[in-house]
């Protein structure tokens, strides 16, 4: 799938959009300035519903009754990317996304990152995200097979059993998330 086709999924879902994020480092050019500021201990560029189309989409669709959630699997020690991403999660949560975190070793899932849209309905779709070893997106794969989306729903549900909300996670790791 090309990016535009995949992006349409964010506008087409009717109830739920869930993201399983498994990698410890991603190569996202749009985050370079923020990552550099984090690394250097400088203020990060503003990221809010006012400045970010992504966060605006989450806020608007959440207000319409759609549910956005994310499960981030973490490994210890946390990578620089993960520590930086946790700060971005605070902004995503403020826009309406529910963020959960779980220890990757305890979850046991070793598949690709994925999006799961409208899980448990006849409109269920999964978007598998395949990355290079360096964390760059290689390709996206749309899966509409009911058996596969049901399996991913089970993976999601099982992984969420051991997850904690973002604020609980941040309180537990305290200052260890800073640069």
N, C-alpha and C. Protein backbone atom coordinates (compact mmCIF):
# COMPACT_ATOMS: atom_id res chain seq x y z
N UNK A 1 0.85 -1.19 0.00
CA UNK A 1 0.00 0.00 0.00
C UNK A 1 0.89 1.24 0.00
N UNK A 2 0.43 2.23 -0.68
CA UNK A 2 1.14 3.50 -0.61
C UNK A 2 0.59 4.29 0.57
N UNK A 3 1.35 5.25 1.02
CA UNK A 3 0.99 5.99 2.22
C UNK A 3 -0.38 6.63 2.19
N UNK A 4 -0.78 7.17 1.02
CA UNK A 4 -2.08 7.84 0.94
C UNK A 4 -3.22 6.85 1.18
N UNK A 5 -3.10 5.64 0.62
CA UNK A 5 -4.14 4.63 0.81
C UNK A 5 -4.23 4.22 2.28
N UNK A 6 -3.08 4.05 2.89
CA UNK A 6 -3.05 3.65 4.30
C UNK A 6 -3.63 4.77 5.16
N UNK A 7 -3.27 6.00 4.85
CA UNK A 7 -3.74 7.14 5.64
C UNK A 7 -5.26 7.26 5.61
N UNK A 8 -5.88 6.79 4.54
CA UNK A 8 -7.34 6.85 4.43
C UNK A 8 -8.01 6.03 5.54
N UNK A 9 -7.33 5.00 6.04
CA UNK A 9 -7.88 4.18 7.10
C UNK A 9 -8.19 5.00 8.36
N UNK A 10 -7.39 6.03 8.61
CA UNK A 10 -7.60 6.87 9.79
C UNK A 10 -8.90 7.67 9.70
N UNK A 11 -9.36 7.90 8.48
CA UNK A 11 -10.61 8.64 8.29
C UNK A 11 -11.81 7.72 8.10
N UNK A 12 -11.55 6.46 7.76
CA UNK A 12 -12.65 5.54 7.43
C UNK A 12 -13.15 4.72 8.61
N UNK A 13 -12.37 4.59 9.67
CA UNK A 13 -12.85 3.76 10.77
C UNK A 13 -14.04 4.43 11.44
N UNK A 14 -14.89 3.61 12.04
CA UNK A 14 -16.12 4.17 12.62
C UNK A 14 -16.14 4.14 14.15
N UNK A 15 -15.36 3.22 14.76
CA UNK A 15 -15.43 3.08 16.22
C UNK A 15 -14.06 3.16 16.90
N UNK A 16 -13.14 2.27 16.51
CA UNK A 16 -11.88 2.18 17.23
C UNK A 16 -10.67 2.13 16.29
N UNK A 17 -9.62 2.77 16.75
CA UNK A 17 -8.32 2.70 16.08
C UNK A 17 -7.30 2.37 17.17
N UNK A 18 -6.65 1.23 17.04
CA UNK A 18 -5.68 0.77 18.04
C UNK A 18 -4.33 0.59 17.38
N UNK A 19 -3.27 1.04 18.04
CA UNK A 19 -1.91 0.92 17.53
C UNK A 19 -1.09 0.08 18.48
N UNK A 20 -0.46 -0.98 17.95
CA UNK A 20 0.50 -1.78 18.72
C UNK A 20 1.88 -1.36 18.21
N UNK A 21 2.65 -0.80 19.10
CA UNK A 21 3.96 -0.26 18.76
C UNK A 21 5.02 -1.10 19.46
N UNK A 22 5.82 -1.81 18.68
CA UNK A 22 6.72 -2.81 19.23
C UNK A 22 8.21 -2.45 19.19
N UNK A 23 8.61 -1.67 18.21
CA UNK A 23 10.03 -1.34 18.05
C UNK A 23 10.49 -0.41 19.17
N UNK A 24 11.77 -0.42 19.43
CA UNK A 24 12.32 0.45 20.46
C UNK A 24 12.86 1.75 19.88
N UNK A 25 13.08 1.76 18.56
CA UNK A 25 13.57 2.94 17.87
C UNK A 25 12.93 3.01 16.49
N UNK A 26 12.48 4.19 16.13
CA UNK A 26 11.92 4.44 14.81
C UNK A 26 12.69 5.58 14.16
N UNK A 27 12.79 5.55 12.85
CA UNK A 27 13.42 6.65 12.10
C UNK A 27 12.29 7.46 11.48
N UNK A 28 11.97 8.59 12.10
CA UNK A 28 10.86 9.43 11.65
C UNK A 28 11.42 10.83 11.40
N UNK A 29 11.71 11.14 10.13
CA UNK A 29 12.32 12.45 9.84
C UNK A 29 11.55 13.63 10.42
N UNK A 30 10.23 13.55 10.48
CA UNK A 30 9.44 14.66 11.02
C UNK A 30 9.72 14.90 12.50
N UNK A 31 10.33 13.93 13.18
CA UNK A 31 10.62 14.06 14.61
C UNK A 31 12.07 14.49 14.88
N UNK A 32 12.85 14.70 13.83
CA UNK A 32 14.28 14.98 14.01
C UNK A 32 14.54 16.20 14.88
N UNK A 33 13.83 17.31 14.65
CA UNK A 33 14.07 18.53 15.43
C UNK A 33 13.72 18.31 16.89
N UNK A 34 12.62 17.64 17.13
CA UNK A 34 12.20 17.37 18.51
C UNK A 34 13.19 16.43 19.21
N UNK A 35 13.64 15.41 18.48
CA UNK A 35 14.60 14.46 19.06
C UNK A 35 15.91 15.17 19.38
N UNK A 36 16.37 16.04 18.48
CA UNK A 36 17.62 16.77 18.70
C UNK A 36 17.48 17.67 19.94
N UNK A 37 16.36 18.36 20.07
CA UNK A 37 16.14 19.22 21.23
C UNK A 37 16.14 18.38 22.51
N UNK A 38 15.48 17.23 22.47
CA UNK A 38 15.45 16.33 23.63
C UNK A 38 16.87 15.92 24.01
N UNK A 39 17.64 15.51 23.02
CA UNK A 39 19.01 15.04 23.25
C UNK A 39 19.87 16.14 23.88
N UNK A 40 19.64 17.38 23.44
CA UNK A 40 20.46 18.50 23.90
C UNK A 40 19.88 19.19 25.14
N UNK A 41 18.76 18.66 25.64
CA UNK A 41 18.15 19.24 26.84
C UNK A 41 17.49 20.58 26.60
N UNK A 42 17.12 20.84 25.36
CA UNK A 42 16.48 22.10 24.99
C UNK A 42 14.96 21.92 24.94
N UNK A 43 14.21 23.02 24.97
CA UNK A 43 12.75 22.90 24.82
C UNK A 43 12.42 22.27 23.46
N UNK A 44 11.46 21.39 23.50
CA UNK A 44 11.01 20.74 22.25
C UNK A 44 10.05 21.67 21.52
N UNK A 45 9.99 21.57 20.20
CA UNK A 45 9.00 22.37 19.46
C UNK A 45 7.59 22.04 19.96
N UNK A 46 6.72 23.05 19.94
CA UNK A 46 5.35 22.83 20.40
C UNK A 46 4.68 21.77 19.54
N UNK A 47 3.98 20.87 20.20
CA UNK A 47 3.20 19.83 19.52
C UNK A 47 1.86 19.78 20.25
N UNK A 48 0.84 20.29 19.58
CA UNK A 48 -0.49 20.37 20.19
C UNK A 48 -1.53 20.26 19.08
N UNK A 49 -2.80 20.29 19.46
CA UNK A 49 -3.86 20.25 18.44
C UNK A 49 -3.79 21.49 17.56
N UNK A 50 -3.15 22.52 18.04
CA UNK A 50 -3.00 23.75 17.27
C UNK A 50 -1.91 23.61 16.20
N UNK A 51 -0.86 22.86 16.50
CA UNK A 51 0.29 22.79 15.59
C UNK A 51 0.40 21.47 14.83
N UNK A 52 -0.31 20.44 15.27
CA UNK A 52 -0.16 19.11 14.68
C UNK A 52 -1.47 18.62 14.06
N UNK A 53 -1.48 18.41 12.74
CA UNK A 53 -2.68 17.86 12.11
C UNK A 53 -3.06 16.49 12.68
N UNK A 54 -2.06 15.70 13.06
CA UNK A 54 -2.32 14.36 13.63
C UNK A 54 -3.08 14.50 14.95
N UNK A 55 -2.59 15.34 15.84
CA UNK A 55 -3.26 15.52 17.12
C UNK A 55 -4.63 16.16 16.94
N UNK A 56 -4.75 17.06 15.98
CA UNK A 56 -6.06 17.67 15.70
C UNK A 56 -7.04 16.59 15.24
N UNK A 57 -6.59 15.66 14.39
CA UNK A 57 -7.45 14.55 13.93
C UNK A 57 -7.93 13.73 15.12
N UNK A 58 -7.02 13.40 16.03
CA UNK A 58 -7.40 12.62 17.21
C UNK A 58 -8.42 13.38 18.04
N UNK A 59 -8.17 14.66 18.29
CA UNK A 59 -9.07 15.45 19.13
C UNK A 59 -10.46 15.57 18.51
N UNK A 60 -10.52 15.85 17.23
CA UNK A 60 -11.81 16.03 16.56
C UNK A 60 -12.59 14.73 16.54
N UNK A 61 -11.94 13.63 16.17
CA UNK A 61 -12.67 12.36 16.05
C UNK A 61 -13.01 11.77 17.42
N UNK A 62 -12.19 12.04 18.41
CA UNK A 62 -12.53 11.62 19.78
C UNK A 62 -13.79 12.35 20.24
N UNK A 63 -13.87 13.64 19.94
CA UNK A 63 -15.06 14.42 20.30
C UNK A 63 -16.30 13.89 19.58
N UNK A 64 -16.10 13.24 18.43
CA UNK A 64 -17.21 12.65 17.68
C UNK A 64 -17.57 11.26 18.19
N UNK A 65 -16.82 10.75 19.17
CA UNK A 65 -17.13 9.45 19.77
C UNK A 65 -16.24 8.30 19.32
N UNK A 66 -15.24 8.58 18.51
CA UNK A 66 -14.31 7.52 18.10
C UNK A 66 -13.25 7.33 19.18
N UNK A 67 -12.72 6.12 19.25
CA UNK A 67 -11.76 5.77 20.29
C UNK A 67 -10.39 5.50 19.68
N UNK A 68 -9.38 6.22 20.14
CA UNK A 68 -7.99 6.02 19.74
C UNK A 68 -7.24 5.45 20.94
N UNK A 69 -6.49 4.38 20.72
CA UNK A 69 -5.67 3.84 21.80
C UNK A 69 -4.38 3.27 21.22
N UNK A 70 -3.40 3.16 22.09
CA UNK A 70 -2.07 2.71 21.69
C UNK A 70 -1.47 1.88 22.82
N UNK A 71 -0.81 0.81 22.44
CA UNK A 71 -0.02 0.03 23.38
C UNK A 71 1.42 0.06 22.92
N UNK A 72 2.28 0.62 23.76
CA UNK A 72 3.71 0.71 23.45
C UNK A 72 4.42 -0.35 24.27
N UNK A 73 5.09 -1.28 23.57
CA UNK A 73 5.89 -2.29 24.25
C UNK A 73 7.27 -1.70 24.49
N UNK A 74 7.77 -1.83 25.71
CA UNK A 74 9.06 -1.25 26.05
C UNK A 74 10.03 -2.34 26.50
N UNK A 75 11.30 -2.06 26.27
CA UNK A 75 12.39 -2.91 26.74
C UNK A 75 13.28 -2.07 27.65
N UNK A 76 13.97 -2.75 28.53
CA UNK A 76 14.85 -2.08 29.51
C UNK A 76 16.30 -2.35 29.18
N UNK A 77 17.17 -1.37 29.27
CA UNK A 77 16.86 0.03 29.58
C UNK A 77 16.14 0.69 28.41
N UNK A 78 15.39 1.73 28.72
CA UNK A 78 14.66 2.44 27.68
C UNK A 78 15.66 3.10 26.72
N UNK A 79 15.36 3.02 25.43
CA UNK A 79 16.21 3.68 24.44
C UNK A 79 15.98 5.19 24.50
N UNK A 80 16.90 5.94 23.92
CA UNK A 80 16.71 7.38 23.83
C UNK A 80 15.42 7.69 23.09
N UNK A 81 15.15 6.96 22.01
CA UNK A 81 13.94 7.21 21.25
C UNK A 81 12.70 6.99 22.12
N UNK A 82 12.68 5.90 22.87
CA UNK A 82 11.52 5.62 23.72
C UNK A 82 11.34 6.71 24.77
N UNK A 83 12.43 7.13 25.40
CA UNK A 83 12.32 8.19 26.41
C UNK A 83 11.76 9.47 25.79
N UNK A 84 12.21 9.80 24.59
CA UNK A 84 11.69 10.97 23.89
C UNK A 84 10.23 10.79 23.52
N UNK A 85 9.89 9.61 23.05
CA UNK A 85 8.53 9.33 22.62
C UNK A 85 7.54 9.45 23.79
N UNK A 86 7.96 9.09 24.97
CA UNK A 86 7.08 9.19 26.13
C UNK A 86 6.59 10.62 26.33
N UNK A 87 7.43 11.59 26.05
CA UNK A 87 7.01 12.99 26.16
C UNK A 87 5.94 13.31 25.11
N UNK A 88 6.11 12.77 23.91
CA UNK A 88 5.10 12.95 22.87
C UNK A 88 3.79 12.28 23.21
N UNK A 89 3.87 11.18 23.94
CA UNK A 89 2.65 10.48 24.35
C UNK A 89 1.80 11.36 25.26
N UNK A 90 2.44 12.17 26.08
CA UNK A 90 1.68 13.07 26.95
C UNK A 90 0.82 14.00 26.09
N UNK A 91 1.39 14.47 25.00
CA UNK A 91 0.65 15.36 24.09
C UNK A 91 -0.47 14.59 23.38
N UNK A 92 -0.19 13.37 22.97
CA UNK A 92 -1.22 12.55 22.31
C UNK A 92 -2.36 12.25 23.28
N UNK A 93 -2.01 11.97 24.52
CA UNK A 93 -3.03 11.69 25.53
C UNK A 93 -3.91 12.92 25.75
N UNK A 94 -3.29 14.10 25.75
CA UNK A 94 -4.06 15.33 25.93
C UNK A 94 -5.06 15.54 24.78
N UNK A 95 -4.74 15.01 23.60
CA UNK A 95 -5.63 15.13 22.45
C UNK A 95 -6.76 14.10 22.48
N UNK A 96 -6.64 13.08 23.35
CA UNK A 96 -7.71 12.11 23.49
C UNK A 96 -7.31 10.66 23.27
N UNK A 97 -6.06 10.41 22.94
CA UNK A 97 -5.62 9.03 22.73
C UNK A 97 -5.31 8.38 24.08
N UNK A 98 -5.79 7.14 24.27
CA UNK A 98 -5.46 6.39 25.47
C UNK A 98 -4.14 5.66 25.22
N UNK A 99 -3.15 5.88 26.07
CA UNK A 99 -1.82 5.31 25.90
C UNK A 99 -1.56 4.32 27.04
N UNK A 100 -1.19 3.11 26.66
CA UNK A 100 -0.83 2.07 27.63
C UNK A 100 0.59 1.60 27.30
N UNK A 101 1.30 1.11 28.31
CA UNK A 101 2.64 0.59 28.11
C UNK A 101 2.76 -0.76 28.79
N UNK A 102 3.57 -1.64 28.18
CA UNK A 102 3.81 -2.96 28.75
C UNK A 102 5.23 -3.39 28.43
N UNK A 103 5.77 -4.22 29.30
CA UNK A 103 7.10 -4.78 29.10
C UNK A 103 7.03 -5.80 27.96
N UNK A 104 7.83 -5.58 26.95
CA UNK A 104 7.81 -6.45 25.77
C UNK A 104 8.07 -7.91 26.15
N UNK A 105 8.98 -8.14 27.08
CA UNK A 105 9.33 -9.51 27.48
C UNK A 105 8.13 -10.23 28.09
N UNK A 106 7.25 -9.50 28.75
CA UNK A 106 6.09 -10.12 29.40
C UNK A 106 4.93 -10.35 28.43
N UNK A 107 4.91 -9.61 27.33
CA UNK A 107 3.80 -9.73 26.38
C UNK A 107 3.97 -10.95 25.49
N UNK A 108 5.19 -11.18 25.01
CA UNK A 108 5.44 -12.37 24.20
C UNK A 108 5.06 -12.25 22.73
N UNK A 109 4.64 -11.09 22.28
CA UNK A 109 4.31 -10.89 20.87
C UNK A 109 5.58 -10.53 20.11
N UNK A 110 5.84 -11.23 19.02
CA UNK A 110 7.05 -10.98 18.26
C UNK A 110 6.73 -10.69 16.79
N UNK A 111 5.55 -10.15 16.54
CA UNK A 111 5.16 -9.82 15.17
C UNK A 111 5.42 -8.37 14.85
N UNK A 112 4.92 -7.95 13.70
CA UNK A 112 5.12 -6.56 13.29
C UNK A 112 4.23 -5.59 14.07
N UNK A 113 4.61 -4.33 14.04
CA UNK A 113 3.73 -3.27 14.52
C UNK A 113 2.44 -3.34 13.71
N UNK A 114 1.36 -2.90 14.31
CA UNK A 114 0.12 -2.88 13.54
C UNK A 114 -0.86 -1.85 14.05
N UNK A 115 -1.76 -1.47 13.17
CA UNK A 115 -2.96 -0.72 13.49
C UNK A 115 -4.12 -1.70 13.36
N UNK A 116 -5.08 -1.59 14.22
CA UNK A 116 -6.29 -2.41 14.15
C UNK A 116 -7.48 -1.45 14.22
N UNK A 117 -8.26 -1.43 13.15
CA UNK A 117 -9.39 -0.53 13.03
C UNK A 117 -10.70 -1.30 13.17
N UNK A 118 -11.60 -0.78 13.98
CA UNK A 118 -12.94 -1.35 14.16
C UNK A 118 -12.90 -2.84 14.51
N UNK A 119 -12.00 -3.20 15.42
CA UNK A 119 -11.86 -4.60 15.85
C UNK A 119 -13.20 -5.13 16.36
N UNK A 120 -13.47 -6.39 16.04
CA UNK A 120 -14.68 -7.04 16.51
C UNK A 120 -15.92 -6.73 15.69
N UNK A 121 -15.76 -6.00 14.59
CA UNK A 121 -16.90 -5.70 13.73
C UNK A 121 -16.65 -6.30 12.34
N UNK A 122 -17.65 -6.27 11.50
CA UNK A 122 -17.46 -6.78 10.14
C UNK A 122 -16.64 -5.82 9.29
N UNK A 123 -16.33 -4.64 9.84
CA UNK A 123 -15.48 -3.66 9.14
C UNK A 123 -14.03 -3.72 9.62
N UNK A 124 -13.69 -4.71 10.44
CA UNK A 124 -12.34 -4.78 11.01
C UNK A 124 -11.28 -4.85 9.92
N UNK A 125 -10.24 -4.04 10.11
CA UNK A 125 -9.10 -4.00 9.19
C UNK A 125 -7.85 -3.88 10.04
N UNK A 126 -6.78 -4.48 9.53
CA UNK A 126 -5.49 -4.33 10.19
C UNK A 126 -4.51 -3.75 9.19
N UNK A 127 -3.68 -2.89 9.67
CA UNK A 127 -2.60 -2.34 8.86
C UNK A 127 -1.29 -2.76 9.50
N UNK A 128 -0.58 -3.68 8.84
CA UNK A 128 0.70 -4.14 9.35
C UNK A 128 1.79 -3.18 8.88
N UNK A 129 2.71 -2.86 9.77
CA UNK A 129 3.79 -1.92 9.46
C UNK A 129 5.11 -2.67 9.49
N UNK A 130 5.78 -2.67 8.37
CA UNK A 130 7.06 -3.38 8.26
C UNK A 130 8.18 -2.35 8.16
N UNK A 131 9.22 -2.54 8.98
CA UNK A 131 10.31 -1.58 9.08
C UNK A 131 11.64 -2.20 8.68
N UNK A 132 12.58 -1.33 8.29
CA UNK A 132 13.96 -1.76 8.08
C UNK A 132 14.60 -1.94 9.46
N UNK A 133 15.78 -2.51 9.48
CA UNK A 133 16.50 -2.67 10.75
C UNK A 133 16.79 -1.31 11.40
N UNK A 134 16.89 -0.26 10.58
CA UNK A 134 17.16 1.08 11.10
C UNK A 134 15.92 1.82 11.58
N UNK A 135 14.74 1.18 11.44
CA UNK A 135 13.51 1.79 11.92
C UNK A 135 12.77 2.63 10.91
N UNK A 136 13.17 2.56 9.64
CA UNK A 136 12.43 3.29 8.61
C UNK A 136 11.30 2.41 8.11
N UNK A 137 10.17 3.04 7.81
CA UNK A 137 9.04 2.27 7.30
C UNK A 137 9.42 1.70 5.93
N UNK A 138 9.26 0.39 5.79
CA UNK A 138 9.59 -0.29 4.54
C UNK A 138 8.34 -0.42 3.69
N UNK A 139 7.29 -0.97 4.27
CA UNK A 139 6.01 -1.03 3.57
C UNK A 139 4.89 -1.29 4.57
N UNK A 140 3.69 -0.98 4.09
CA UNK A 140 2.47 -1.17 4.88
C UNK A 140 1.63 -2.23 4.18
N UNK A 141 0.96 -3.02 4.98
CA UNK A 141 0.17 -4.12 4.43
C UNK A 141 -1.23 -4.08 5.03
N UNK A 142 -2.23 -3.98 4.19
CA UNK A 142 -3.61 -3.98 4.66
C UNK A 142 -4.12 -5.41 4.73
N UNK A 143 -4.74 -5.77 5.86
CA UNK A 143 -5.30 -7.10 6.04
C UNK A 143 -6.76 -6.95 6.44
N UNK A 144 -7.64 -7.55 5.65
CA UNK A 144 -9.06 -7.50 5.95
C UNK A 144 -9.61 -8.88 6.30
N UNK A 145 -8.76 -9.89 6.30
CA UNK A 145 -9.18 -11.26 6.61
C UNK A 145 -9.74 -11.32 8.03
N UNK A 146 -11.01 -11.74 8.20
CA UNK A 146 -11.62 -11.77 9.54
C UNK A 146 -10.86 -12.64 10.54
N UNK A 147 -10.32 -13.75 10.09
CA UNK A 147 -9.56 -14.61 11.00
C UNK A 147 -8.30 -13.93 11.51
N UNK A 148 -7.62 -13.23 10.63
CA UNK A 148 -6.39 -12.56 11.03
C UNK A 148 -6.68 -11.36 11.94
N UNK A 149 -7.71 -10.58 11.59
CA UNK A 149 -8.02 -9.44 12.45
C UNK A 149 -8.53 -9.91 13.81
N UNK A 150 -9.22 -11.06 13.86
CA UNK A 150 -9.65 -11.63 15.15
C UNK A 150 -8.44 -12.06 15.96
N UNK A 151 -7.43 -12.65 15.30
CA UNK A 151 -6.21 -13.06 16.01
C UNK A 151 -5.49 -11.83 16.56
N UNK A 152 -5.38 -10.76 15.76
CA UNK A 152 -4.73 -9.54 16.25
C UNK A 152 -5.51 -8.93 17.41
N UNK A 153 -6.82 -9.06 17.38
CA UNK A 153 -7.63 -8.58 18.49
C UNK A 153 -7.30 -9.36 19.76
N UNK A 154 -7.11 -10.67 19.64
CA UNK A 154 -6.70 -11.48 20.79
C UNK A 154 -5.32 -11.07 21.28
N UNK A 155 -4.38 -10.84 20.36
CA UNK A 155 -3.04 -10.37 20.73
C UNK A 155 -3.15 -9.07 21.51
N UNK A 156 -3.94 -8.14 20.98
CA UNK A 156 -4.15 -6.85 21.63
C UNK A 156 -4.72 -7.03 23.04
N UNK A 157 -5.79 -7.80 23.15
CA UNK A 157 -6.45 -7.99 24.44
C UNK A 157 -5.53 -8.64 25.46
N UNK A 158 -4.77 -9.63 25.03
CA UNK A 158 -3.84 -10.29 25.94
C UNK A 158 -2.73 -9.34 26.37
N UNK A 159 -2.19 -8.59 25.44
CA UNK A 159 -1.11 -7.65 25.76
C UNK A 159 -1.59 -6.55 26.70
N UNK A 160 -2.81 -6.11 26.53
CA UNK A 160 -3.34 -5.04 27.38
C UNK A 160 -3.55 -5.48 28.82
N UNK A 161 -3.69 -6.80 29.05
CA UNK A 161 -3.89 -7.29 30.42
C UNK A 161 -2.71 -6.94 31.33
N UNK A 162 -1.52 -6.91 30.77
CA UNK A 162 -0.34 -6.59 31.58
C UNK A 162 0.13 -5.16 31.43
N UNK A 163 -0.65 -4.34 30.76
CA UNK A 163 -0.24 -2.96 30.48
C UNK A 163 -0.68 -2.02 31.58
N UNK A 164 0.00 -0.88 31.65
CA UNK A 164 -0.36 0.17 32.60
C UNK A 164 -0.59 1.46 31.82
N UNK A 165 -1.45 2.33 32.33
CA UNK A 165 -1.68 3.62 31.68
C UNK A 165 -0.39 4.47 31.68
N UNK A 166 -0.30 5.36 30.71
CA UNK A 166 0.88 6.22 30.57
C UNK A 166 1.26 6.92 31.87
N UNK A 167 0.30 7.56 32.54
CA UNK A 167 0.64 8.30 33.76
C UNK A 167 1.20 7.40 34.85
N UNK A 168 0.67 6.19 34.97
CA UNK A 168 1.19 5.24 35.95
C UNK A 168 2.62 4.85 35.59
N UNK A 169 2.86 4.61 34.32
CA UNK A 169 4.21 4.25 33.86
C UNK A 169 5.19 5.39 34.14
N UNK A 170 4.80 6.61 33.78
CA UNK A 170 5.69 7.75 33.99
C UNK A 170 6.00 7.97 35.47
N UNK A 171 5.00 7.78 36.32
CA UNK A 171 5.24 7.93 37.75
C UNK A 171 6.21 6.87 38.25
N UNK A 172 6.13 5.67 37.70
CA UNK A 172 7.00 4.57 38.14
C UNK A 172 8.44 4.77 37.69
N UNK A 173 8.64 5.31 36.49
CA UNK A 173 10.01 5.48 36.01
C UNK A 173 10.60 6.82 36.39
N UNK A 174 9.76 7.73 36.87
CA UNK A 174 10.16 9.02 37.39
C UNK A 174 11.10 9.75 36.44
N UNK A 175 12.22 10.23 36.91
CA UNK A 175 13.15 11.03 36.11
C UNK A 175 13.97 10.24 35.12
N UNK A 176 13.87 8.93 35.11
CA UNK A 176 14.68 8.13 34.19
C UNK A 176 14.28 8.34 32.75
N UNK A 177 13.21 9.06 32.45
CA UNK A 177 12.77 9.29 31.07
C UNK A 177 13.41 10.53 30.47
N UNK A 178 14.09 11.31 31.27
CA UNK A 178 14.72 12.52 30.73
C UNK A 178 16.03 12.17 30.04
N UNK A 179 16.48 13.10 29.23
CA UNK A 179 17.72 12.89 28.46
C UNK A 179 18.90 12.67 29.39
